[in-house]
Amino acid sequence: MYLTVILLPLINFLIVILFGRFLGNKGSQILILINMFWTFVLSYFIFYEVNLKGSLCFLKLFSWFNIGLFSLNWGFLFDSLTATMLIVVNTVSFLVHLYSIEYMRYDPFLS
């Protein structure tokens, strides 16, 4: 769930860039809106788990390098600030996507 919130917008970007012509305008809009909605919902679940339940989450992806007793890891830390910013960023992003799709509905140059 934690990595999905981070990777889903990236997957959106790659799918629309690579396959946008095949999907068309409507297909791209529907795909992006559904995925942004799930990112929006998952960020609220993360907020609930981290801020309200008080459980921090550290996802260690891999160890970058180890020198003796010093170990440097690559990962993600989801603390209260991260969870709060996920709420803000994903809510605004979802609403901007929703607004822009509706705003551009009657644009004559999009067909």
PDB file of N, CA and C in Angstrom:
ATOM      1  N   MET A   1       0.818  -1.188   0.000  1.00  0.00           N
ATOM      2  CA  MET A   1       0.000   0.000   0.000  1.00  0.00           C
ATOM      3  C   MET A   1       0.871   1.264   0.000  1.00  0.00           C
ATOM      4  N   TYR A   2       1.958   1.227   0.741  1.00  0.00           N
ATOM      5  CA  TYR A   2       2.792   2.418   0.853  1.00  0.00           C
ATOM      6  C   TYR A   2       3.502   2.743  -0.455  1.00  0.00           C
ATOM      7  N   LEU A   3       4.058   1.741  -1.096  1.00  0.00           N
ATOM      8  CA  LEU A   3       4.741   2.000  -2.362  1.00  0.00           C
ATOM      9  C   LEU A   3       3.761   2.257  -3.497  1.00  0.00           C
ATOM     10  N   THR A   4       2.545   1.759  -3.370  1.00  0.00           N
ATOM     11  CA  THR A   4       1.538   1.989  -4.399  1.00  0.00           C
ATOM     12  C   THR A   4       1.216   3.474  -4.519  1.00  0.00           C
ATOM     13  N   VAL A   5       1.157   4.181  -3.403  1.00  0.00           N
ATOM     14  CA  VAL A   5       0.875   5.615  -3.422  1.00  0.00           C
ATOM     15  C   VAL A   5       1.966   6.364  -4.182  1.00  0.00           C
ATOM     16  N   ILE A   6       3.177   5.886  -4.107  1.00  0.00           N
ATOM     17  CA  ILE A   6       4.284   6.549  -4.783  1.00  0.00           C
ATOM     18  C   ILE A   6       4.388   6.110  -6.245  1.00  0.00           C
ATOM     19  N   LEU A   7       4.159   4.826  -6.506  1.00  0.00           N
ATOM     20  CA  LEU A   7       4.361   4.311  -7.850  1.00  0.00           C
ATOM     21  C   LEU A   7       3.170   4.492  -8.787  1.00  0.00           C
ATOM     22  N   LEU A   8       1.971   4.613  -8.278  1.00  0.00           N
ATOM     23  CA  LEU A   8       0.795   4.724  -9.134  1.00  0.00           C
ATOM     24  C   LEU A   8       0.806   5.980 -10.014  1.00  0.00           C
ATOM     25  N   PRO A   9       1.163   7.171  -9.518  1.00  0.00           N
ATOM     26  CA  PRO A   9       1.280   8.318 -10.435  1.00  0.00           C
ATOM     27  C   PRO A   9       2.386   8.132 -11.477  1.00  0.00           C
ATOM     28  N   LEU A  10       3.476   7.478 -11.104  1.00  0.00           N
ATOM     29  CA  LEU A  10       4.535   7.208 -12.076  1.00  0.00           C
ATOM     30  C   LEU A  10       4.053   6.238 -13.151  1.00  0.00           C
ATOM     31  N   ILE A  11       3.305   5.233 -12.751  1.00  0.00           N
ATOM     32  CA  ILE A  11       2.742   4.283 -13.716  1.00  0.00           C
ATOM     33  C   ILE A  11       1.743   4.997 -14.624  1.00  0.00           C
ATOM     34  N   ASN A  12       0.931   5.899 -14.063  1.00  0.00           N
ATOM     35  CA  ASN A  12       0.028   6.721 -14.877  1.00  0.00           C
ATOM     36  C   ASN A  12       0.788   7.458 -15.959  1.00  0.00           C
ATOM     37  N   PHE A  13       1.837   8.129 -15.552  1.00  0.00           N
ATOM     38  CA  PHE A  13       2.641   8.911 -16.479  1.00  0.00           C
ATOM     39  C   PHE A  13       3.198   8.030 -17.598  1.00  0.00           C
ATOM     40  N   LEU A  14       3.769   6.900 -17.228  1.00  0.00           N
ATOM     41  CA  LEU A  14       4.380   6.034 -18.241  1.00  0.00           C
ATOM     42  C   LEU A  14       3.344   5.446 -19.195  1.00  0.00           C
ATOM     43  N   ILE A  15       2.199   5.039 -18.679  1.00  0.00           N
ATOM     44  CA  ILE A  15       1.164   4.465 -19.546  1.00  0.00           C
ATOM     45  C   ILE A  15       0.631   5.511 -20.516  1.00  0.00           C
ATOM     46  N   VAL A  16       0.376   6.711 -20.033  1.00  0.00           N
ATOM     47  CA  VAL A  16      -0.179   7.741 -20.911  1.00  0.00           C
ATOM     48  C   VAL A  16       0.858   8.216 -21.922  1.00  0.00           C
ATOM     49  N   ILE A  17       2.104   8.323 -21.519  1.00  0.00           N
ATOM     50  CA  ILE A  17       3.147   8.737 -22.460  1.00  0.00           C
ATOM     51  C   ILE A  17       3.365   7.666 -23.525  1.00  0.00           C
ATOM     52  N   LEU A  18       3.427   6.407 -23.117  1.00  0.00           N
ATOM     53  CA  LEU A  18       3.735   5.339 -24.065  1.00  0.00           C
ATOM     54  C   LEU A  18       2.528   4.874 -24.878  1.00  0.00           C
ATOM     55  N   PHE A  19       1.352   4.819 -24.254  1.00  0.00           N
ATOM     56  CA  PHE A  19       0.182   4.246 -24.917  1.00  0.00           C
ATOM     57  C   PHE A  19      -0.979   5.230 -25.040  1.00  0.00           C
ATOM     58  N   GLY A  20      -0.725   6.516 -24.889  1.00  0.00           N
ATOM     59  CA  GLY A  20      -1.787   7.513 -24.935  1.00  0.00           C
ATOM     60  C   GLY A  20      -2.496   7.588 -26.266  1.00  0.00           C
ATOM     61  N   ARG A  21      -1.757   7.395 -27.354  1.00  0.00           N
ATOM     62  CA  ARG A  21      -2.388   7.435 -28.681  1.00  0.00           C
ATOM     63  C   ARG A  21      -3.328   6.265 -28.881  1.00  0.00           C
ATOM     64  N   PHE A  22      -2.991   5.119 -28.308  1.00  0.00           N
ATOM     65  CA  PHE A  22      -3.847   3.943 -28.444  1.00  0.00           C
ATOM     66  C   PHE A  22      -5.074   4.030 -27.542  1.00  0.00           C
ATOM     67  N   LEU A  23      -4.906   4.646 -26.395  1.00  0.00           N
ATOM     68  CA  LEU A  23      -6.021   4.786 -25.458  1.00  0.00           C
ATOM     69  C   LEU A  23      -6.999   5.873 -25.881  1.00  0.00           C
ATOM     70  N   GLY A  24      -6.502   6.909 -26.535  1.00  0.00           N
ATOM     71  CA  GLY A  24      -7.341   8.055 -26.892  1.00  0.00           C
ATOM     72  C   GLY A  24      -7.505   8.991 -25.712  1.00  0.00           C
ATOM     73  N   ASN A  25      -8.192  10.095 -25.959  1.00  0.00           N
ATOM     74  CA  ASN A  25      -8.387  11.088 -24.890  1.00  0.00           C
ATOM     75  C   ASN A  25      -9.248  10.546 -23.764  1.00  0.00           C
ATOM     76  N   LYS A  26     -10.375   9.947 -24.119  1.00  0.00           N
ATOM     77  CA  LYS A  26     -11.280   9.442 -23.082  1.00  0.00           C
ATOM     78  C   LYS A  26     -10.632   8.322 -22.273  1.00  0.00           C
ATOM     79  N   GLY A  27      -9.958   7.400 -22.942  1.00  0.00           N
ATOM     80  CA  GLY A  27      -9.312   6.298 -22.234  1.00  0.00           C
ATOM     81  C   GLY A  27      -8.228   6.776 -21.291  1.00  0.00           C
ATOM     82  N   SER A  28      -7.432   7.733 -21.753  1.00  0.00           N
ATOM     83  CA  SER A  28      -6.379   8.294 -20.900  1.00  0.00           C
ATOM     84  C   SER A  28      -6.967   9.027 -19.700  1.00  0.00           C
ATOM     85  N   GLN A  29      -8.041   9.790 -19.947  1.00  0.00           N
ATOM     86  CA  GLN A  29      -8.666  10.528 -18.855  1.00  0.00           C
ATOM     87  C   GLN A  29      -9.257   9.585 -17.813  1.00  0.00           C
ATOM     88  N   ILE A  30      -9.919   8.542 -18.266  1.00  0.00           N
ATOM     89  CA  ILE A  30     -10.526   7.588 -17.335  1.00  0.00           C
ATOM     90  C   ILE A  30      -9.461   6.852 -16.539  1.00  0.00           C
ATOM     91  N   LEU A  31      -8.402   6.409 -17.217  1.00  0.00           N
ATOM     92  CA  LEU A  31      -7.323   5.697 -16.538  1.00  0.00           C
ATOM     93  C   LEU A  31      -6.649   6.568 -15.489  1.00  0.00           C
ATOM     94  N   ILE A  32      -6.331   7.793 -15.851  1.00  0.00           N
ATOM     95  CA  ILE A  32      -5.662   8.694 -14.912  1.00  0.00           C
ATOM     96  C   ILE A  32      -6.576   9.030 -13.737  1.00  0.00           C
ATOM     97  N   LEU A  33      -7.851   9.277 -14.014  1.00  0.00           N
ATOM     98  CA  LEU A  33      -8.766   9.631 -12.942  1.00  0.00           C
ATOM     99  C   LEU A  33      -8.973   8.479 -11.968  1.00  0.00           C
ATOM    100  N   ILE A  34      -9.094   7.265 -12.466  1.00  0.00           N
ATOM    101  CA  ILE A  34      -9.262   6.104 -11.582  1.00  0.00           C
ATOM    102  C   ILE A  34      -8.018   5.888 -10.730  1.00  0.00           C
ATOM    103  N   ASN A  35      -6.852   5.959 -11.350  1.00  0.00           N
ATOM    104  CA  ASN A  35      -5.613   5.747 -10.593  1.00  0.00           C
ATOM    105  C   ASN A  35      -5.347   6.866  -9.602  1.00  0.00           C
ATOM    106  N   MET A  36      -5.668   8.100  -9.965  1.00  0.00           N
ATOM    107  CA  MET A  36      -5.494   9.195  -9.014  1.00  0.00           C
ATOM    108  C   MET A  36      -6.495   9.087  -7.864  1.00  0.00           C
ATOM    109  N   PHE A  37      -7.689   8.576  -8.146  1.00  0.00           N
ATOM    110  CA  PHE A  37      -8.651   8.356  -7.067  1.00  0.00           C
ATOM    111  C   PHE A  37      -8.120   7.317  -6.081  1.00  0.00           C
ATOM    112  N   TRP A  38      -7.537   6.228  -6.593  1.00  0.00           N
ATOM    113  CA  TRP A  38      -6.992   5.204  -5.688  1.00  0.00           C
ATOM    114  C   TRP A  38      -5.791   5.728  -4.910  1.00  0.00           C
ATOM    115  N   THR A  39      -4.983   6.577  -5.524  1.00  0.00           N
ATOM    116  CA  THR A  39      -3.884   7.202  -4.800  1.00  0.00           C
ATOM    117  C   THR A  39      -4.427   8.099  -3.692  1.00  0.00           C
ATOM    118  N   PHE A  40      -5.473   8.835  -4.004  1.00  0.00           N
ATOM    119  CA  PHE A  40      -6.161   9.700  -3.040  1.00  0.00           C
ATOM    120  C   PHE A  40      -6.698   8.885  -1.862  1.00  0.00           C
ATOM    121  N   VAL A  41      -7.357   7.771  -2.134  1.00  0.00           N
ATOM    122  CA  VAL A  41      -7.934   6.927  -1.085  1.00  0.00           C
ATOM    123  C   VAL A  41      -6.834   6.275  -0.245  1.00  0.00           C
ATOM    124  N   LEU A  42      -5.801   5.752  -0.900  1.00  0.00           N
ATOM    125  CA  LEU A  42      -4.715   5.097  -0.168  1.00  0.00           C
ATOM    126  C   LEU A  42      -3.959   6.079   0.715  1.00  0.00           C
ATOM    127  N   SER A  43      -3.851   7.328   0.289  1.00  0.00           N
ATOM    128  CA  SER A  43      -3.164   8.310   1.139  1.00  0.00           C
ATOM    129  C   SER A  43      -3.959   8.579   2.416  1.00  0.00           C
ATOM    130  N   TYR A  44      -5.290   8.488   2.357  1.00  0.00           N
ATOM    131  CA  TYR A  44      -6.088   8.630   3.581  1.00  0.00           C
ATOM    132  C   TYR A  44      -5.920   7.415   4.491  1.00  0.00           C
ATOM    133  N   PHE A  45      -5.788   6.217   3.923  1.00  0.00           N
ATOM    134  CA  PHE A  45      -5.511   5.041   4.744  1.00  0.00           C
ATOM    135  C   PHE A  45      -4.152   5.149   5.423  1.00  0.00           C
ATOM    136  N   ILE A  46      -3.157   5.642   4.694  1.00  0.00           N
ATOM    137  CA  ILE A  46      -1.824   5.831   5.277  1.00  0.00           C
ATOM    138  C   ILE A  46      -1.885   6.871   6.388  1.00  0.00           C
ATOM    139  N   PHE A  47      -2.627   7.951   6.151  1.00  0.00           N
ATOM    140  CA  PHE A  47      -2.789   8.970   7.185  1.00  0.00           C
ATOM    141  C   PHE A  47      -3.421   8.378   8.439  1.00  0.00           C
ATOM    142  N   TYR A  48      -4.442   7.572   8.268  1.00  0.00           N
ATOM    143  CA  TYR A  48      -5.100   6.947   9.408  1.00  0.00           C
ATOM    144  C   TYR A  48      -4.140   6.036  10.174  1.00  0.00           C
ATOM    145  N   GLU A  49      -3.387   5.234   9.431  1.00  0.00           N
ATOM    146  CA  GLU A  49      -2.496   4.278  10.084  1.00  0.00           C
ATOM    147  C   GLU A  49      -1.320   4.951  10.777  1.00  0.00           C
ATOM    148  N   VAL A  50      -0.740   5.952  10.121  1.00  0.00           N
ATOM    149  CA  VAL A  50       0.458   6.581  10.676  1.00  0.00           C
ATOM    150  C   VAL A  50       0.110   7.635  11.731  1.00  0.00           C
ATOM    151  N   ASN A  51      -0.799   8.535  11.423  1.00  0.00           N
ATOM    152  CA  ASN A  51      -1.085   9.632  12.361  1.00  0.00           C
ATOM    153  C   ASN A  51      -2.046   9.244  13.474  1.00  0.00           C
ATOM    154  N   LEU A  52      -3.104   8.554  13.139  1.00  0.00           N
ATOM    155  CA  LEU A  52      -4.104   8.262  14.154  1.00  0.00           C
ATOM    156  C   LEU A  52      -3.783   7.009  14.956  1.00  0.00           C
ATOM    157  N   LYS A  53      -3.202   6.010  14.331  1.00  0.00           N
ATOM    158  CA  LYS A  53      -2.816   4.790  15.045  1.00  0.00           C
ATOM    159  C   LYS A  53      -1.404   4.877  15.624  1.00  0.00           C
ATOM    160  N   GLY A  54      -0.589   5.792  15.103  1.00  0.00           N
ATOM    161  CA  GLY A  54       0.745   6.006  15.652  1.00  0.00           C
ATOM    162  C   GLY A  54       1.784   4.987  15.252  1.00  0.00           C
ATOM    163  N   SER A  55       1.626   4.362  14.101  1.00  0.00           N
ATOM    164  CA  SER A  55       2.615   3.366  13.673  1.00  0.00           C
ATOM    165  C   SER A  55       3.405   3.902  12.485  1.00  0.00           C
ATOM    166  N   LEU A  56       4.678   4.173  12.725  1.00  0.00           N
ATOM    167  CA  LEU A  56       5.560   4.612  11.656  1.00  0.00           C
ATOM    168  C   LEU A  56       5.899   3.426  10.756  1.00  0.00           C
ATOM    169  N   CYS A  57       6.221   3.726   9.526  1.00  0.00           N
ATOM    170  CA  CYS A  57       6.565   2.662   8.593  1.00  0.00           C
ATOM    171  C   CYS A  57       7.845   3.041   7.858  1.00  0.00           C
ATOM    172  N   PHE A  58       8.850   2.164   7.902  1.00  0.00           N
ATOM    173  CA  PHE A  58      10.072   2.343   7.133  1.00  0.00           C
ATOM    174  C   PHE A  58      10.191   1.163   6.190  1.00  0.00           C
ATOM    175  N   LEU A  59      10.218   1.451   4.896  1.00  0.00           N
ATOM    176  CA  LEU A  59      10.366   0.411   3.886  1.00  0.00           C
ATOM    177  C   LEU A  59      11.794   0.436   3.364  1.00  0.00           C
ATOM    178  N   LYS A  60      12.546  -0.579   3.689  1.00  0.00           N
ATOM    179  CA  LYS A  60      13.923  -0.686   3.212  1.00  0.00           C
ATOM    180  C   LYS A  60      13.893  -1.371   1.853  1.00  0.00           C
ATOM    181  N   LEU A  61      14.294  -0.636   0.825  1.00  0.00           N
ATOM    182  CA  LEU A  61      14.295  -1.207  -0.518  1.00  0.00           C
ATOM    183  C   LEU A  61      15.556  -2.018  -0.781  1.00  0.00           C
ATOM    184  N   PHE A  62      16.713  -1.421  -0.492  1.00  0.00           N
ATOM    185  CA  PHE A  62      17.964  -2.152  -0.621  1.00  0.00           C
ATOM    186  C   PHE A  62      19.047  -1.434   0.164  1.00  0.00           C
ATOM    187  N   SER A  63      20.127  -2.133   0.384  1.00  0.00           N
ATOM    188  CA  SER A  63      21.266  -1.553   1.080  1.00  0.00           C
ATOM    189  C   SER A  63      22.177  -0.902   0.045  1.00  0.00           C
ATOM    190  N   TRP A  64      22.432   0.378   0.217  1.00  0.00           N
ATOM    191  CA  TRP A  64      23.222   1.098  -0.755  1.00  0.00           C
ATOM    192  C   TRP A  64      24.693   0.680  -0.646  1.00  0.00           C
ATOM    193  N   PHE A  65      25.268   0.814   0.541  1.00  0.00           N
ATOM    194  CA  PHE A  65      26.603   0.255   0.766  1.00  0.00           C
ATOM    195  C   PHE A  65      26.831   0.037   2.253  1.00  0.00           C
ATOM    196  N   ASN A  66      27.721  -0.909   2.526  1.00  0.00           N
ATOM    197  CA  ASN A  66      28.093  -1.251   3.894  1.00  0.00           C
ATOM    198  C   ASN A  66      29.604  -1.129   4.022  1.00  0.00           C
ATOM    199  N   ILE A  67      30.051  -0.351   5.000  1.00  0.00           N
ATOM    200  CA  ILE A  67      31.478  -0.205   5.274  1.00  0.00           C
ATOM    201  C   ILE A  67      31.664  -0.462   6.763  1.00  0.00           C
ATOM    202  N   GLY A  68      32.170  -1.618   7.081  1.00  0.00           N
ATOM    203  CA  GLY A  68      32.374  -1.969   8.478  1.00  0.00           C
ATOM    204  C   GLY A  68      31.055  -1.996   9.236  1.00  0.00           C
ATOM    205  N   LEU A  69      30.963  -1.159  10.250  1.00  0.00           N
ATOM    206  CA  LEU A  69      29.730  -1.067  11.026  1.00  0.00           C
ATOM    207  C   LEU A  69      28.738  -0.061  10.452  1.00  0.00           C
ATOM    208  N   PHE A  70      29.178   0.715   9.448  1.00  0.00           N
ATOM    209  CA  PHE A  70      28.322   1.736   8.841  1.00  0.00           C
ATOM    210  C   PHE A  70      27.520   1.121   7.697  1.00  0.00           C
ATOM    211  N   SER A  71      26.231   1.245   7.786  1.00  0.00           N
ATOM    212  CA  SER A  71      25.342   0.719   6.755  1.00  0.00           C
ATOM    213  C   SER A  71      24.416   1.831   6.282  1.00  0.00           C
ATOM    214  N   LEU A  72      24.372   2.042   4.983  1.00  0.00           N
ATOM    215  CA  LEU A  72      23.508   3.064   4.406  1.00  0.00           C
ATOM    216  C   LEU A  72      22.458   2.382   3.544  1.00  0.00           C
ATOM    217  N   ASN A  73      21.194   2.543   3.941  1.00  0.00           N
ATOM    218  CA  ASN A  73      20.091   1.868   3.259  1.00  0.00           C
ATOM    219  C   ASN A  73      19.277   2.856   2.441  1.00  0.00           C
ATOM    220  N   TRP A  74      18.667   2.348   1.380  1.00  0.00           N
ATOM    221  CA  TRP A  74      17.776   3.126   0.540  1.00  0.00           C
ATOM    222  C   TRP A  74      16.349   2.669   0.842  1.00  0.00           C
ATOM    223  N   GLY A  75      15.491   3.607   1.207  1.00  0.00           N
ATOM    224  CA  GLY A  75      14.127   3.232   1.538  1.00  0.00           C
ATOM    225  C   GLY A  75      13.242   4.440   1.705  1.00  0.00           C
ATOM    226  N   PHE A  76      12.053   4.192   2.209  1.00  0.00           N
ATOM    227  CA  PHE A  76      11.065   5.234   2.427  1.00  0.00           C
ATOM    228  C   PHE A  76      10.616   5.202   3.884  1.00  0.00           C
ATOM    229  N   LEU A  77      10.523   6.383   4.485  1.00  0.00           N
ATOM    230  CA  LEU A  77      10.024   6.520   5.848  1.00  0.00           C
ATOM    231  C   LEU A  77       8.699   7.274   5.789  1.00  0.00           C
ATOM    232  N   PHE A  78       7.659   6.644   6.290  1.00  0.00           N
ATOM    233  CA  PHE A  78       6.350   7.268   6.353  1.00  0.00           C
ATOM    234  C   PHE A  78       6.082   7.651   7.805  1.00  0.00           C
ATOM    235  N   ASP A  79       6.287   8.926   8.104  1.00  0.00           N
ATOM    236  CA  ASP A  79       6.011   9.446   9.435  1.00  0.00           C
ATOM    237  C   ASP A  79       4.816  10.388   9.354  1.00  0.00           C
ATOM    238  N   SER A  80       4.548  11.122  10.414  1.00  0.00           N
ATOM    239  CA  SER A  80       3.346  11.962  10.438  1.00  0.00           C
ATOM    240  C   SER A  80       3.410  13.088   9.410  1.00  0.00           C
ATOM    241  N   LEU A  81       4.582  13.673   9.200  1.00  0.00           N
ATOM    242  CA  LEU A  81       4.710  14.735   8.200  1.00  0.00           C
ATOM    243  C   LEU A  81       4.483  14.189   6.793  1.00  0.00           C
ATOM    244  N   THR A  82       5.051  13.029   6.501  1.00  0.00           N
ATOM    245  CA  THR A  82       4.879  12.416   5.187  1.00  0.00           C
ATOM    246  C   THR A  82       3.415  12.074   4.937  1.00  0.00           C
ATOM    247  N   ALA A  83       2.755  11.516   5.925  1.00  0.00           N
ATOM    248  CA  ALA A  83       1.341  11.153   5.765  1.00  0.00           C
ATOM    249  C   ALA A  83       0.472  12.390   5.563  1.00  0.00           C
ATOM    250  N   THR A  84       0.775  13.450   6.282  1.00  0.00           N
ATOM    251  CA  THR A  84       0.014  14.685   6.123  1.00  0.00           C
ATOM    252  C   THR A  84       0.233  15.286   4.743  1.00  0.00           C
ATOM    253  N   MET A  85       1.460  15.290   4.278  1.00  0.00           N
ATOM    254  CA  MET A  85       1.735  15.832   2.952  1.00  0.00           C
ATOM    255  C   MET A  85       1.160  14.959   1.846  1.00  0.00           C
ATOM    256  N   LEU A  86       1.077  13.650   2.070  1.00  0.00           N
ATOM    257  CA  LEU A  86       0.410  12.787   1.095  1.00  0.00           C
ATOM    258  C   LEU A  86      -1.050  13.171   0.946  1.00  0.00           C
ATOM    259  N   ILE A  87      -1.701  13.485   2.064  1.00  0.00           N
ATOM    260  CA  ILE A  87      -3.102  13.927   2.021  1.00  0.00           C
ATOM    261  C   ILE A  87      -3.218  15.205   1.194  1.00  0.00           C
ATOM    262  N   VAL A  88      -2.387  16.182   1.493  1.00  0.00           N
ATOM    263  CA  VAL A  88      -2.473  17.479   0.822  1.00  0.00           C
ATOM    264  C   VAL A  88      -2.183  17.338  -0.673  1.00  0.00           C
ATOM    265  N   VAL A  89      -1.080  16.710  -1.004  1.00  0.00           N
ATOM    266  CA  VAL A  89      -0.654  16.622  -2.400  1.00  0.00           C
ATOM    267  C   VAL A  89      -1.610  15.767  -3.225  1.00  0.00           C
ATOM    268  N   ASN A  90      -2.006  14.622  -2.706  1.00  0.00           N
ATOM    269  CA  ASN A  90      -2.867  13.743  -3.495  1.00  0.00           C
ATOM    270  C   ASN A  90      -4.296  14.255  -3.597  1.00  0.00           C
ATOM    271  N   THR A  91      -4.789  14.943  -2.578  1.00  0.00           N
ATOM    272  CA  THR A  91      -6.121  15.536  -2.673  1.00  0.00           C
ATOM    273  C   THR A  91      -6.142  16.649  -3.720  1.00  0.00           C
ATOM    274  N   VAL A  92      -5.167  17.528  -3.660  1.00  0.00           N
ATOM    275  CA  VAL A  92      -5.100  18.611  -4.643  1.00  0.00           C
ATOM    276  C   VAL A  92      -4.881  18.051  -6.041  1.00  0.00           C
ATOM    277  N   SER A  93      -4.022  17.065  -6.172  1.00  0.00           N
ATOM    278  CA  SER A  93      -3.751  16.478  -7.481  1.00  0.00           C
ATOM    279  C   SER A  93      -4.986  15.812  -8.070  1.00  0.00           C
ATOM    280  N   PHE A  94      -5.719  15.066  -7.254  1.00  0.00           N
ATOM    281  CA  PHE A  94      -6.947  14.429  -7.738  1.00  0.00           C
ATOM    282  C   PHE A  94      -7.968  15.467  -8.171  1.00  0.00           C
ATOM    283  N   LEU A  95      -8.138  16.524  -7.379  1.00  0.00           N
ATOM    284  CA  LEU A  95      -9.114  17.554  -7.722  1.00  0.00           C
ATOM    285  C   LEU A  95      -8.699  18.349  -8.952  1.00  0.00           C
ATOM    286  N   VAL A  96      -7.413  18.583  -9.139  1.00  0.00           N
ATOM    287  CA  VAL A  96      -6.930  19.262 -10.339  1.00  0.00           C
ATOM    288  C   VAL A  96      -7.163  18.391 -11.577  1.00  0.00           C
ATOM    289  N   HIS A  97      -6.917  17.094 -11.467  1.00  0.00           N
ATOM    290  CA  HIS A  97      -7.196  16.202 -12.598  1.00  0.00           C
ATOM    291  C   HIS A  97      -8.685  16.204 -12.931  1.00  0.00           C
ATOM    292  N   LEU A  98      -9.521  16.115 -11.921  1.00  0.00           N
ATOM    293  CA  LEU A  98     -10.964  16.111 -12.129  1.00  0.00           C
ATOM    294  C   LEU A  98     -11.430  17.420 -12.770  1.00  0.00           C
ATOM    295  N   TYR A  99     -10.941  18.525 -12.266  1.00  0.00           N
ATOM    296  CA  TYR A  99     -11.316  19.832 -12.813  1.00  0.00           C
ATOM    297  C   TYR A  99     -10.835  19.993 -14.249  1.00  0.00           C
ATOM    298  N   SER A 100      -9.603  19.619 -14.522  1.00  0.00           N
ATOM    299  CA  SER A 100      -9.071  19.825 -15.873  1.00  0.00           C
ATOM    300  C   SER A 100      -9.767  18.954 -16.902  1.00  0.00           C
ATOM    301  N   ILE A 101     -10.163  17.750 -16.525  1.00  0.00           N
ATOM    302  CA  ILE A 101     -10.902  16.895 -17.454  1.00  0.00           C
ATOM    303  C   ILE A 101     -12.264  17.515 -17.766  1.00  0.00           C
ATOM    304  N   GLU A 102     -12.943  18.017 -16.762  1.00  0.00           N
ATOM    305  CA  GLU A 102     -14.244  18.638 -16.992  1.00  0.00           C
ATOM    306  C   GLU A 102     -14.103  19.959 -17.744  1.00  0.00           C
ATOM    307  N   TYR A 103     -13.070  20.708 -17.441  1.00  0.00           N
ATOM    308  CA  TYR A 103     -12.858  22.002 -18.086  1.00  0.00           C
ATOM    309  C   TYR A 103     -12.577  21.837 -19.576  1.00  0.00           C
ATOM    310  N   MET A 104     -11.819  20.815 -19.924  1.00  0.00           N
ATOM    311  CA  MET A 104     -11.433  20.608 -21.326  1.00  0.00           C
ATOM    312  C   MET A 104     -12.440  19.754 -22.100  1.00  0.00           C
ATOM    313  N   ARG A 105     -13.580  19.464 -21.511  1.00  0.00           N
ATOM    314  CA  ARG A 105     -14.563  18.591 -22.159  1.00  0.00           C
ATOM    315  C   ARG A 105     -15.023  19.124 -23.516  1.00  0.00           C
ATOM    316  N   TYR A 106     -15.275  20.422 -23.616  1.00  0.00           N
ATOM    317  CA  TYR A 106     -15.826  20.985 -24.854  1.00  0.00           C
ATOM    318  C   TYR A 106     -14.783  21.716 -25.677  1.00  0.00           C
ATOM    319  N   ASP A 107     -13.519  21.390 -25.508  1.00  0.00           N
ATOM    320  CA  ASP A 107     -12.476  21.996 -26.309  1.00  0.00           C
ATOM    321  C   ASP A 107     -12.551  21.425 -27.726  1.00  0.00           C
ATOM    322  N   PRO A 108     -12.680  22.290 -28.742  1.00  0.00           N
ATOM    323  CA  PRO A 108     -12.835  21.773 -30.102  1.00  0.00           C
ATOM    324  C   PRO A 108     -11.558  21.148 -30.666  1.00  0.00           C
ATOM    325  N   PHE A 109     -10.413  21.426 -30.074  1.00  0.00           N
ATOM    326  CA  PHE A 109      -9.163  20.890 -30.607  1.00  0.00           C
ATOM    327  C   PHE A 109      -8.828  19.512 -30.062  1.00  0.00           C
ATOM    328  N   LEU A 110      -9.549  19.044 -29.071  1.00  0.00           N
ATOM    329  CA  LEU A 110      -9.376  17.696 -28.555  1.00  0.00           C
ATOM    330  C   LEU A 110     -10.456  16.813 -29.160  1.00  0.00           C
ATOM    331  N   SER A 111     -10.023  15.857 -29.917  1.00  0.00           N
ATOM    332  CA  SER A 111     -11.031  14.968 -30.507  1.00  0.00           C
ATOM    333  C   SER A 111     -10.625  13.529 -30.410  1.00  0.00           C
TER     334      SER A 111
END
